[in-house]
Amino acid sequence: MPERLDPKVDVVFKRVFGSEENKSILISLLNAVLGWTEKQQIAAVKILNPYLEQEYIDDSYGILDIKVQLGSGELVDIEMQIGDRANMERRSTFYICRIFGDQKITRGRYQDLKRAIGINILDFIRIKDSQRYHSSFRLRERDENIDLTDAIEIHFIELPKLNEEMASYDNPLDRWVMFLKGWDDMELLERLSEEDPAIAQARIALEKMASDPRAKEIYEQRLKAIMDRNSDLYEAELKGKREGKREGKREGKREGKREGKREGKNETARAALLEGLEPPIVAKITGLPLDTIQKLKAKL
């Protein structure tokens, strides 16, 4: 069996989908995610940050996305993530809003701003309240479900939510998800390649990359960096939990001591009141507030 690399690792994903020679593969994926068919289908794209080998060497911990401008002028940013990052929703929203806001208004008209679309392909479950593997979000009125604007649109595709039994080979996005999930299943790849010419091209691109020693080296370096990063995040999380437990115990002990001192003073105050001492004198002896002494006396 020809060797292949995991397309879910971002360096592979970007080389397969973000290279100038593979634009037809990218267009097929975009049409599948956006659900655009017939006249609405994307016919041409401009890749704004094409595959560059050097960026993989210099940015082993960064995010390798694919920025695209459609023929309509609309802007699309695609990310492939295999490790769960905290605040994924906020980070994605911030990033796509920045792409939208960075556009130049040449004639002073907001109508000239093109729509910005974020596509996040995740190898983990993030939208836990939904059973759907493909979720899309816009600015929308909550009660009547009316769009304020379609200027910002964010998609999440959660690969683990779709399994082979649920997938429909008539659905283009299902096919791409199964390709990303089943990259090492020869029988599945054969079937997907027969169903979809773009997937057949992507399969060839994967095999071509695997046969390139330099590409394999970059892949292995990137995979190690991702594993190191995930390990660092996991260790930091564990450390935070341990520190939290220790601090909780320390605070518990401090609070226990404070509570013990308060109760001791209250007992002294009760005894003094029972002996007939006046509340102001008891307050002076114990250091407790006068109103506290008066409340204790009322309960005797």
C-alpha atoms as a PDB file:
ATOM      1  CA  MET A   1       0.000   0.000   0.000  1.00  0.00           C
ATOM      2  CA  PRO A   2       1.411   3.448  -0.924  1.00  0.00           C
ATOM      3  CA  GLU A   3       2.439   5.459   2.103  1.00  0.00           C
ATOM      4  CA  ARG A   4       0.262   8.428   3.017  1.00  0.00           C
ATOM      5  CA  LEU A   5       0.341  11.198   5.584  1.00  0.00           C
ATOM      6  CA  ASP A   6      -2.499  12.260   7.860  1.00  0.00           C
ATOM      7  CA  PRO A   7      -4.306  15.197   6.153  1.00  0.00           C
ATOM      8  CA  LYS A   8      -5.610  16.360   9.539  1.00  0.00           C
ATOM      9  CA  VAL A   9      -2.107  17.559  10.450  1.00  0.00           C
ATOM     10  CA  ASP A  10      -2.178  21.177   9.338  1.00  0.00           C
ATOM     11  CA  VAL A  11       1.030  21.104   7.274  1.00  0.00           C
ATOM     12  CA  VAL A  12      -0.429  18.303   5.165  1.00  0.00           C
ATOM     13  CA  PHE A  13      -3.870  19.900   5.029  1.00  0.00           C
ATOM     14  CA  LYS A  14      -2.414  23.176   3.805  1.00  0.00           C
ATOM     15  CA  ARG A  15      -0.222  21.577   1.170  1.00  0.00           C
ATOM     16  CA  VAL A  16      -3.109  19.468  -0.161  1.00  0.00           C
ATOM     17  CA  PHE A  17      -5.773  22.196  -0.069  1.00  0.00           C
ATOM     18  CA  GLY A  18      -3.728  25.405  -0.011  1.00  0.00           C
ATOM     19  CA  SER A  19      -1.360  24.962  -2.947  1.00  0.00           C
ATOM     20  CA  GLU A  20      -1.829  26.740  -6.267  1.00  0.00           C
ATOM     21  CA  GLU A  21      -1.728  23.420  -8.155  1.00  0.00           C
ATOM     22  CA  ASN A  22      -4.534  22.031  -5.988  1.00  0.00           C
ATOM     23  CA  LYS A  23      -7.091  24.812  -6.357  1.00  0.00           C
ATOM     24  CA  SER A  24      -9.712  22.447  -7.766  1.00  0.00           C
ATOM     25  CA  ILE A  25      -9.485  20.362  -4.566  1.00  0.00           C
ATOM     26  CA  LEU A  26      -9.943  23.488  -2.438  1.00  0.00           C
ATOM     27  CA  ILE A  27     -12.922  24.648  -4.538  1.00  0.00           C
ATOM     28  CA  SER A  28     -14.595  21.258  -4.123  1.00  0.00           C
ATOM     29  CA  LEU A  29     -14.181  21.405  -0.336  1.00  0.00           C
ATOM     30  CA  LEU A  30     -15.489  24.991  -0.132  1.00  0.00           C
ATOM     31  CA  ASN A  31     -18.580  24.195  -2.218  1.00  0.00           C
ATOM     32  CA  ALA A  32     -19.232  21.176   0.006  1.00  0.00           C
ATOM     33  CA  VAL A  33     -18.936  23.154   3.270  1.00  0.00           C
ATOM     34  CA  LEU A  34     -20.979  26.119   2.063  1.00  0.00           C
ATOM     35  CA  GLY A  35     -23.528  23.921   0.301  1.00  0.00           C
ATOM     36  CA  TRP A  36     -23.263  25.927  -2.881  1.00  0.00           C
ATOM     37  CA  THR A  37     -24.519  24.253  -6.041  1.00  0.00           C
ATOM     38  CA  GLU A  38     -25.261  25.075  -9.682  1.00  0.00           C
ATOM     39  CA  LYS A  39     -24.976  28.813 -10.438  1.00  0.00           C
ATOM     40  CA  GLN A  40     -23.860  29.649  -6.887  1.00  0.00           C
ATOM     41  CA  GLN A  41     -20.931  27.227  -7.059  1.00  0.00           C
ATOM     42  CA  ILE A  42     -17.450  28.653  -6.668  1.00  0.00           C
ATOM     43  CA  ALA A  43     -15.585  28.506  -9.954  1.00  0.00           C
ATOM     44  CA  ALA A  44     -12.353  30.315  -9.088  1.00  0.00           C
ATOM     45  CA  VAL A  45     -10.450  31.331  -5.972  1.00  0.00           C
ATOM     46  CA  LYS A  46      -7.387  33.339  -5.096  1.00  0.00           C
ATOM     47  CA  ILE A  47      -5.245  31.829  -2.344  1.00  0.00           C
ATOM     48  CA  LEU A  48      -3.973  34.775  -0.310  1.00  0.00           C
ATOM     49  CA  ASN A  49      -1.368  32.798   1.668  1.00  0.00           C
ATOM     50  CA  PRO A  50      -0.306  29.852  -0.500  1.00  0.00           C
ATOM     51  CA  TYR A  51       1.784  26.939   0.727  1.00  0.00           C
ATOM     52  CA  LEU A  52       5.254  28.081   1.802  1.00  0.00           C
ATOM     53  CA  GLU A  53       7.657  25.508   3.211  1.00  0.00           C
ATOM     54  CA  GLN A  54       9.556  28.075   5.290  1.00  0.00           C
ATOM     55  CA  GLU A  55       6.533  28.997   7.417  1.00  0.00           C
ATOM     56  CA  TYR A  56       6.285  25.431   8.689  1.00  0.00           C
ATOM     57  CA  ILE A  57       9.886  25.534   9.906  1.00  0.00           C
ATOM     58  CA  ASP A  58       9.637  28.949  11.562  1.00  0.00           C
ATOM     59  CA  ASP A  59       6.174  28.577  13.089  1.00  0.00           C
ATOM     60  CA  SER A  60       6.049  25.156  14.691  1.00  0.00           C
ATOM     61  CA  TYR A  61       3.489  26.272  17.298  1.00  0.00           C
ATOM     62  CA  GLY A  62       1.401  28.691  15.239  1.00  0.00           C
ATOM     63  CA  ILE A  63      -1.822  28.261  13.317  1.00  0.00           C
ATOM     64  CA  LEU A  64      -1.471  27.369   9.644  1.00  0.00           C
ATOM     65  CA  ASP A  65      -4.683  28.520   7.996  1.00  0.00           C
ATOM     66  CA  ILE A  66      -5.696  28.956   4.363  1.00  0.00           C
ATOM     67  CA  LYS A  67      -6.909  32.428   3.428  1.00  0.00           C
ATOM     68  CA  VAL A  68      -8.975  32.570   0.261  1.00  0.00           C
ATOM     69  CA  GLN A  69     -10.711  35.247  -1.767  1.00  0.00           C
ATOM     70  CA  LEU A  70     -13.602  34.027  -3.883  1.00  0.00           C
ATOM     71  CA  GLY A  71     -14.439  35.397  -7.300  1.00  0.00           C
ATOM     72  CA  SER A  72     -17.243  37.385  -5.633  1.00  0.00           C
ATOM     73  CA  GLY A  73     -14.666  39.070  -3.389  1.00  0.00           C
ATOM     74  CA  GLU A  74     -15.875  37.215  -0.289  1.00  0.00           C
ATOM     75  CA  LEU A  75     -13.119  36.198   2.130  1.00  0.00           C
ATOM     76  CA  VAL A  76     -12.770  32.710   3.587  1.00  0.00           C
ATOM     77  CA  ASP A  77     -10.391  31.473   6.265  1.00  0.00           C
ATOM     78  CA  ILE A  78     -10.003  27.714   6.765  1.00  0.00           C
ATOM     79  CA  GLU A  79      -8.345  26.045   9.750  1.00  0.00           C
ATOM     80  CA  MET A  80      -7.693  22.372  10.482  1.00  0.00           C
ATOM     81  CA  GLN A  81      -7.281  21.675  14.212  1.00  0.00           C
ATOM     82  CA  ILE A  82      -6.412  18.302  15.774  1.00  0.00           C
ATOM     83  CA  GLY A  83      -5.965  19.573  19.350  1.00  0.00           C
ATOM     84  CA  ASP A  84      -8.697  21.213  21.421  1.00  0.00           C
ATOM     85  CA  ARG A  85      -7.728  24.812  22.165  1.00  0.00           C
ATOM     86  CA  ALA A  86      -9.449  26.717  24.940  1.00  0.00           C
ATOM     87  CA  ASN A  87     -11.856  29.487  23.867  1.00  0.00           C
ATOM     88  CA  MET A  88     -11.988  28.154  20.306  1.00  0.00           C
ATOM     89  CA  GLU A  89     -15.300  29.942  19.692  1.00  0.00           C
ATOM     90  CA  ARG A  90     -14.053  33.344  20.881  1.00  0.00           C
ATOM     91  CA  ARG A  91     -10.731  33.003  19.095  1.00  0.00           C
ATOM     92  CA  SER A  92     -12.425  32.061  15.826  1.00  0.00           C
ATOM     93  CA  THR A  93     -14.905  34.934  16.174  1.00  0.00           C
ATOM     94  CA  PHE A  94     -12.110  37.422  16.902  1.00  0.00           C
ATOM     95  CA  TYR A  95     -10.076  36.215  13.933  1.00  0.00           C
ATOM     96  CA  ILE A  96     -12.841  36.287  11.318  1.00  0.00           C
ATOM     97  CA  CYS A  97     -14.091  39.676  12.585  1.00  0.00           C
ATOM     98  CA  ARG A  98     -10.559  41.014  12.187  1.00  0.00           C
ATOM     99  CA  ILE A  99     -10.440  39.721   8.608  1.00  0.00           C
ATOM    100  CA  PHE A 100     -13.763  41.448   7.942  1.00  0.00           C
ATOM    101  CA  GLY A 101     -12.645  44.670   9.604  1.00  0.00           C
ATOM    102  CA  ASP A 102      -9.258  44.811   7.867  1.00  0.00           C
ATOM    103  CA  GLN A 103     -10.908  45.423   4.492  1.00  0.00           C
ATOM    104  CA  LYS A 104     -10.395  48.815   2.919  1.00  0.00           C
ATOM    105  CA  ILE A 105     -13.459  50.930   2.220  1.00  0.00           C
ATOM    106  CA  THR A 106     -12.216  52.611  -0.939  1.00  0.00           C
ATOM    107  CA  ARG A 107     -15.297  54.687  -1.695  1.00  0.00           C
ATOM    108  CA  GLY A 108     -16.461  55.272   1.869  1.00  0.00           C
ATOM    109  CA  ARG A 109     -19.364  52.818   1.622  1.00  0.00           C
ATOM    110  CA  TYR A 110     -19.919  49.987   4.076  1.00  0.00           C
ATOM    111  CA  GLN A 111     -21.775  48.189   1.288  1.00  0.00           C
ATOM    112  CA  ASP A 112     -18.382  47.568  -0.314  1.00  0.00           C
ATOM    113  CA  LEU A 113     -17.318  45.315   2.590  1.00  0.00           C
ATOM    114  CA  LYS A 114     -17.296  41.702   1.482  1.00  0.00           C
ATOM    115  CA  ARG A 115     -18.582  38.843   3.592  1.00  0.00           C
ATOM    116  CA  ALA A 116     -16.043  37.007   5.761  1.00  0.00           C
ATOM    117  CA  ILE A 117     -16.501  33.278   6.369  1.00  0.00           C
ATOM    118  CA  GLY A 118     -14.578  31.201   8.900  1.00  0.00           C
ATOM    119  CA  ILE A 119     -14.374  27.419   8.478  1.00  0.00           C
ATOM    120  CA  ASN A 120     -13.022  25.421  11.416  1.00  0.00           C
ATOM    121  CA  ILE A 121     -12.463  21.704  10.817  1.00  0.00           C
ATOM    122  CA  LEU A 122     -11.968  20.048  14.201  1.00  0.00           C
ATOM    123  CA  ASP A 123     -10.752  16.559  15.074  1.00  0.00           C
ATOM    124  CA  PHE A 124     -12.552  16.869  18.417  1.00  0.00           C
ATOM    125  CA  ILE A 125     -16.013  17.747  19.703  1.00  0.00           C
ATOM    126  CA  ARG A 126     -16.475  21.384  20.680  1.00  0.00           C
ATOM    127  CA  ILE A 127     -20.181  22.204  20.148  1.00  0.00           C
ATOM    128  CA  LYS A 128     -21.467  19.793  22.772  1.00  0.00           C
ATOM    129  CA  ASP A 129     -25.081  21.037  22.657  1.00  0.00           C
ATOM    130  CA  SER A 130     -25.538  19.914  19.037  1.00  0.00           C
ATOM    131  CA  GLN A 131     -25.579  16.422  17.532  1.00  0.00           C
ATOM    132  CA  ARG A 132     -24.866  17.825  14.071  1.00  0.00           C
ATOM    133  CA  TYR A 133     -21.282  17.541  12.861  1.00  0.00           C
ATOM    134  CA  HIS A 134     -21.629  20.689  10.737  1.00  0.00           C
ATOM    135  CA  SER A 135     -22.790  23.863  12.517  1.00  0.00           C
ATOM    136  CA  SER A 136     -22.918  27.361  11.031  1.00  0.00           C
ATOM    137  CA  PHE A 137     -23.440  30.628  12.904  1.00  0.00           C
ATOM    138  CA  ARG A 138     -24.364  34.205  12.018  1.00  0.00           C
ATOM    139  CA  LEU A 139     -25.477  37.356  13.842  1.00  0.00           C
ATOM    140  CA  ARG A 140     -29.116  36.505  14.391  1.00  0.00           C
ATOM    141  CA  GLU A 141     -32.134  37.761  16.391  1.00  0.00           C
ATOM    142  CA  ARG A 142     -32.631  35.136  19.085  1.00  0.00           C
ATOM    143  CA  ASP A 143     -36.438  34.907  19.339  1.00  0.00           C
ATOM    144  CA  GLU A 144     -37.521  35.319  15.715  1.00  0.00           C
ATOM    145  CA  ASN A 145     -34.413  33.756  14.122  1.00  0.00           C
ATOM    146  CA  ILE A 146     -33.904  36.715  11.792  1.00  0.00           C
ATOM    147  CA  ASP A 147     -30.434  37.459  10.397  1.00  0.00           C
ATOM    148  CA  LEU A 148     -29.094  40.875  11.285  1.00  0.00           C
ATOM    149  CA  THR A 149     -26.500  40.456   8.521  1.00  0.00           C
ATOM    150  CA  ASP A 150     -24.700  37.687   6.674  1.00  0.00           C
ATOM    151  CA  ALA A 151     -21.458  39.698   6.792  1.00  0.00           C
ATOM    152  CA  ILE A 152     -19.904  37.292   9.326  1.00  0.00           C
ATOM    153  CA  GLU A 153     -20.404  33.529   9.105  1.00  0.00           C
ATOM    154  CA  ILE A 154     -18.571  30.857  11.093  1.00  0.00           C
ATOM    155  CA  HIS A 155     -18.663  27.109  10.416  1.00  0.00           C
ATOM    156  CA  PHE A 156     -17.571  24.280  12.702  1.00  0.00           C
ATOM    157  CA  ILE A 157     -17.073  20.795  11.272  1.00  0.00           C
ATOM    158  CA  GLU A 158     -16.499  18.279  14.066  1.00  0.00           C
ATOM    159  CA  LEU A 159     -15.087  15.139  12.497  1.00  0.00           C
ATOM    160  CA  PRO A 160     -15.749  12.706  15.401  1.00  0.00           C
ATOM    161  CA  LYS A 161     -19.510  13.299  15.155  1.00  0.00           C
ATOM    162  CA  LEU A 162     -19.783  11.587  11.747  1.00  0.00           C
ATOM    163  CA  ASN A 163     -19.058   7.876  11.417  1.00  0.00           C
ATOM    164  CA  GLU A 164     -19.084   5.727   8.288  1.00  0.00           C
ATOM    165  CA  GLU A 165     -22.497   4.213   9.064  1.00  0.00           C
ATOM    166  CA  MET A 166     -24.088   7.683   9.225  1.00  0.00           C
ATOM    167  CA  ALA A 167     -22.296   9.098   6.183  1.00  0.00           C
ATOM    168  CA  SER A 168     -24.030   9.464   2.827  1.00  0.00           C
ATOM    169  CA  TYR A 169     -21.788   9.069  -0.204  1.00  0.00           C
ATOM    170  CA  ASP A 170     -24.216  11.282  -2.117  1.00  0.00           C
ATOM    171  CA  ASN A 171     -23.366  14.175   0.198  1.00  0.00           C
ATOM    172  CA  PRO A 172     -20.176  16.018  -0.871  1.00  0.00           C
ATOM    173  CA  LEU A 173     -19.321  17.200   2.659  1.00  0.00           C
ATOM    174  CA  ASP A 174     -19.864  13.716   4.120  1.00  0.00           C
ATOM    175  CA  ARG A 175     -17.409  12.416   1.528  1.00  0.00           C
ATOM    176  CA  TRP A 176     -14.748  14.983   2.477  1.00  0.00           C
ATOM    177  CA  VAL A 177     -15.184  14.301   6.186  1.00  0.00           C
ATOM    178  CA  MET A 178     -14.799  10.549   5.608  1.00  0.00           C
ATOM    179  CA  PHE A 179     -11.689  11.250   3.522  1.00  0.00           C
ATOM    180  CA  LEU A 180     -10.114  13.227   6.375  1.00  0.00           C
ATOM    181  CA  LYS A 181     -11.099  10.578   8.932  1.00  0.00           C
ATOM    182  CA  GLY A 182     -10.263   7.516   6.822  1.00  0.00           C
ATOM    183  CA  TRP A 183      -7.023   8.612   5.160  1.00  0.00           C
ATOM    184  CA  ASP A 184      -5.350   5.292   6.094  1.00  0.00           C
ATOM    185  CA  ASP A 185      -8.235   3.032   4.988  1.00  0.00           C
ATOM    186  CA  MET A 186      -7.420   1.870   1.450  1.00  0.00           C
ATOM    187  CA  GLU A 187     -10.837   0.363   0.783  1.00  0.00           C
ATOM    188  CA  LEU A 188     -12.616   3.533   1.891  1.00  0.00           C
ATOM    189  CA  LEU A 189     -10.280   5.732  -0.154  1.00  0.00           C
ATOM    190  CA  GLU A 190     -10.905   3.624  -3.253  1.00  0.00           C
ATOM    191  CA  ARG A 191     -14.647   4.060  -2.883  1.00  0.00           C
ATOM    192  CA  LEU A 192     -14.417   7.791  -2.173  1.00  0.00           C
ATOM    193  CA  SER A 193     -12.070   8.285  -5.139  1.00  0.00           C
ATOM    194  CA  GLU A 194     -14.555   6.567  -7.438  1.00  0.00           C
ATOM    195  CA  GLU A 195     -17.396   8.745  -6.134  1.00  0.00           C
ATOM    196  CA  ASP A 196     -15.546  12.079  -6.226  1.00  0.00           C
ATOM    197  CA  PRO A 197     -12.813  13.154  -8.713  1.00  0.00           C
ATOM    198  CA  ALA A 198     -11.607  15.895  -6.335  1.00  0.00           C
ATOM    199  CA  ILE A 199     -11.019  13.329  -3.588  1.00  0.00           C
ATOM    200  CA  ALA A 200      -9.121  11.178  -6.085  1.00  0.00           C
ATOM    201  CA  GLN A 201      -6.873  14.206  -6.717  1.00  0.00           C
ATOM    202  CA  ALA A 202      -6.446  14.793  -2.981  1.00  0.00           C
ATOM    203  CA  ARG A 203      -5.453  11.157  -2.523  1.00  0.00           C
ATOM    204  CA  ILE A 204      -2.793  11.502  -5.213  1.00  0.00           C
ATOM    205  CA  ALA A 205      -1.532  14.713  -3.566  1.00  0.00           C
ATOM    206  CA  LEU A 206      -1.205  12.885  -0.240  1.00  0.00           C
ATOM    207  CA  GLU A 207       0.767  10.043  -1.810  1.00  0.00           C
ATOM    208  CA  LYS A 208       2.976  12.520  -3.678  1.00  0.00           C
ATOM    209  CA  MET A 209       3.726  14.374  -0.436  1.00  0.00           C
ATOM    210  CA  ALA A 210       4.544  11.098   1.338  1.00  0.00           C
ATOM    211  CA  SER A 211       7.087  10.254  -1.336  1.00  0.00           C
ATOM    212  CA  ASP A 212       8.902  13.575  -0.849  1.00  0.00           C
ATOM    213  CA  PRO A 213      11.610  13.159   1.858  1.00  0.00           C
ATOM    214  CA  ARG A 214      11.621  16.869   2.668  1.00  0.00           C
ATOM    215  CA  ALA A 215       7.819  16.983   3.009  1.00  0.00           C
ATOM    216  CA  LYS A 216       7.918  13.940   5.286  1.00  0.00           C
ATOM    217  CA  GLU A 217      10.562  15.608   7.451  1.00  0.00           C
ATOM    218  CA  ILE A 218       8.447  18.754   7.832  1.00  0.00           C
ATOM    219  CA  TYR A 219       5.399  16.593   8.602  1.00  0.00           C
ATOM    220  CA  GLU A 220       7.233  14.721  11.348  1.00  0.00           C
ATOM    221  CA  GLN A 221       8.629  17.968  12.828  1.00  0.00           C
ATOM    222  CA  ARG A 222       5.185  19.526  12.845  1.00  0.00           C
ATOM    223  CA  LEU A 223       3.557  16.437  14.331  1.00  0.00           C
ATOM    224  CA  LYS A 224       6.154  16.427  17.125  1.00  0.00           C
ATOM    225  CA  ALA A 225       5.583  20.151  17.761  1.00  0.00           C
ATOM    226  CA  ILE A 226       1.815  19.592  18.002  1.00  0.00           C
ATOM    227  CA  MET A 227       2.305  16.672  20.382  1.00  0.00           C
ATOM    228  CA  ASP A 228       4.728  18.745  22.484  1.00  0.00           C
ATOM    229  CA  ARG A 229       2.283  21.648  22.590  1.00  0.00           C
ATOM    230  CA  ASN A 230      -0.625  19.409  23.587  1.00  0.00           C
ATOM    231  CA  SER A 231       1.561  17.778  26.232  1.00  0.00           C
ATOM    232  CA  ASP A 232       2.579  21.207  27.568  1.00  0.00           C
ATOM    233  CA  LEU A 233      -1.062  22.310  27.725  1.00  0.00           C
ATOM    234  CA  TYR A 234      -2.042  19.092  29.492  1.00  0.00           C
ATOM    235  CA  GLU A 235       0.779  19.465  32.021  1.00  0.00           C
ATOM    236  CA  ALA A 236      -0.152  23.106  32.600  1.00  0.00           C
ATOM    237  CA  GLU A 237      -3.756  22.083  33.212  1.00  0.00           C
ATOM    238  CA  LEU A 238      -2.695  19.382  35.683  1.00  0.00           C
ATOM    239  CA  LYS A 239      -0.359  21.828  37.425  1.00  0.00           C
ATOM    240  CA  GLY A 240      -3.170  24.341  37.687  1.00  0.00           C
ATOM    241  CA  LYS A 241      -5.437  21.732  39.262  1.00  0.00           C
ATOM    242  CA  ARG A 242      -2.734  20.684  41.727  1.00  0.00           C
ATOM    243  CA  GLU A 243      -2.020  24.307  42.659  1.00  0.00           C
ATOM    244  CA  GLY A 244      -5.739  24.896  43.055  1.00  0.00           C
ATOM    245  CA  LYS A 245      -6.078  21.943  45.430  1.00  0.00           C
ATOM    246  CA  ARG A 246      -3.083  23.064  47.485  1.00  0.00           C
ATOM    247  CA  GLU A 247      -4.356  26.617  47.680  1.00  0.00           C
ATOM    248  CA  GLY A 248      -7.788  25.291  48.603  1.00  0.00           C
ATOM    249  CA  LYS A 249      -6.295  23.300  51.493  1.00  0.00           C
ATOM    250  CA  ARG A 250      -4.248  26.294  52.667  1.00  0.00           C
ATOM    251  CA  GLU A 251      -7.265  28.578  52.504  1.00  0.00           C
ATOM    252  CA  GLY A 252      -9.340  25.959  54.318  1.00  0.00           C
ATOM    253  CA  LYS A 253      -6.812  25.832  57.136  1.00  0.00           C
ATOM    254  CA  ARG A 254      -6.657  29.633  57.353  1.00  0.00           C
ATOM    255  CA  GLU A 255     -10.436  29.897  57.384  1.00  0.00           C
ATOM    256  CA  GLY A 256     -10.608  27.161  60.019  1.00  0.00           C
ATOM    257  CA  LYS A 257      -8.231  29.103  62.251  1.00  0.00           C
ATOM    258  CA  ARG A 258     -10.193  32.320  61.741  1.00  0.00           C
ATOM    259  CA  GLU A 259     -13.461  30.548  62.500  1.00  0.00           C
ATOM    260  CA  GLY A 260     -11.918  28.974  65.618  1.00  0.00           C
ATOM    261  CA  LYS A 261     -10.786  32.366  66.900  1.00  0.00           C
ATOM    262  CA  ARG A 262     -14.219  33.881  66.264  1.00  0.00           C
ATOM    263  CA  GLU A 263     -15.988  31.047  68.070  1.00  0.00           C
ATOM    264  CA  GLY A 264     -13.533  31.315  70.998  1.00  0.00           C
ATOM    265  CA  LYS A 265     -14.294  35.010  71.377  1.00  0.00           C
ATOM    266  CA  ASN A 266     -18.022  34.320  71.202  1.00  0.00           C
ATOM    267  CA  GLU A 267     -17.752  31.737  74.005  1.00  0.00           C
ATOM    268  CA  THR A 268     -15.809  34.206  76.167  1.00  0.00           C
ATOM    269  CA  ALA A 269     -18.437  36.856  75.501  1.00  0.00           C
ATOM    270  CA  ARG A 270     -21.295  34.492  76.474  1.00  0.00           C
ATOM    271  CA  ALA A 271     -19.532  33.560  79.718  1.00  0.00           C
ATOM    272  CA  ALA A 272     -18.948  37.223  80.594  1.00  0.00           C
ATOM    273  CA  LEU A 273     -22.569  38.111  79.889  1.00  0.00           C
ATOM    274  CA  LEU A 274     -23.760  35.242  82.078  1.00  0.00           C
ATOM    275  CA  GLU A 275     -21.606  36.674  84.876  1.00  0.00           C
ATOM    276  CA  GLY A 276     -23.578  39.899  84.535  1.00  0.00           C
ATOM    277  CA  LEU A 277     -21.052  42.119  82.768  1.00  0.00           C
ATOM    278  CA  GLU A 278     -22.537  44.855  80.610  1.00  0.00           C
ATOM    279  CA  PRO A 279     -22.241  44.523  76.767  1.00  0.00           C
ATOM    280  CA  PRO A 280     -19.885  47.545  76.338  1.00  0.00           C
ATOM    281  CA  ILE A 281     -17.439  46.036  78.852  1.00  0.00           C
ATOM    282  CA  VAL A 282     -17.673  42.583  77.181  1.00  0.00           C
ATOM    283  CA  ALA A 283     -17.044  44.199  73.783  1.00  0.00           C
ATOM    284  CA  LYS A 284     -13.942  45.886  75.150  1.00  0.00           C
ATOM    285  CA  ILE A 285     -12.654  42.630  76.675  1.00  0.00           C
ATOM    286  CA  THR A 286     -13.224  40.392  73.608  1.00  0.00           C
ATOM    287  CA  GLY A 287     -12.672  42.905  70.819  1.00  0.00           C
ATOM    288  CA  LEU A 288     -16.025  41.920  69.265  1.00  0.00           C
ATOM    289  CA  PRO A 289     -18.368  44.615  67.907  1.00  0.00           C
ATOM    290  CA  LEU A 290     -20.972  45.883  70.344  1.00  0.00           C
ATOM    291  CA  ASP A 291     -23.878  44.823  68.115  1.00  0.00           C
ATOM    292  CA  THR A 292     -22.491  41.264  68.075  1.00  0.00           C
ATOM    293  CA  ILE A 293     -22.410  41.255  71.907  1.00  0.00           C
ATOM    294  CA  GLN A 294     -25.968  42.562  72.059  1.00  0.00           C
ATOM    295  CA  LYS A 295     -27.165  39.801  69.692  1.00  0.00           C
ATOM    296  CA  LEU A 296     -25.435  37.180  71.864  1.00  0.00           C
ATOM    297  CA  LYS A 297     -27.083  38.625  74.994  1.00  0.00           C
ATOM    298  CA  ALA A 298     -30.504  38.483  73.332  1.00  0.00           C
ATOM    299  CA  LYS A 299     -30.078  34.751  72.733  1.00  0.00           C
ATOM    300  CA  LEU A 300     -29.144  33.955  76.368  1.00  0.00           C
END
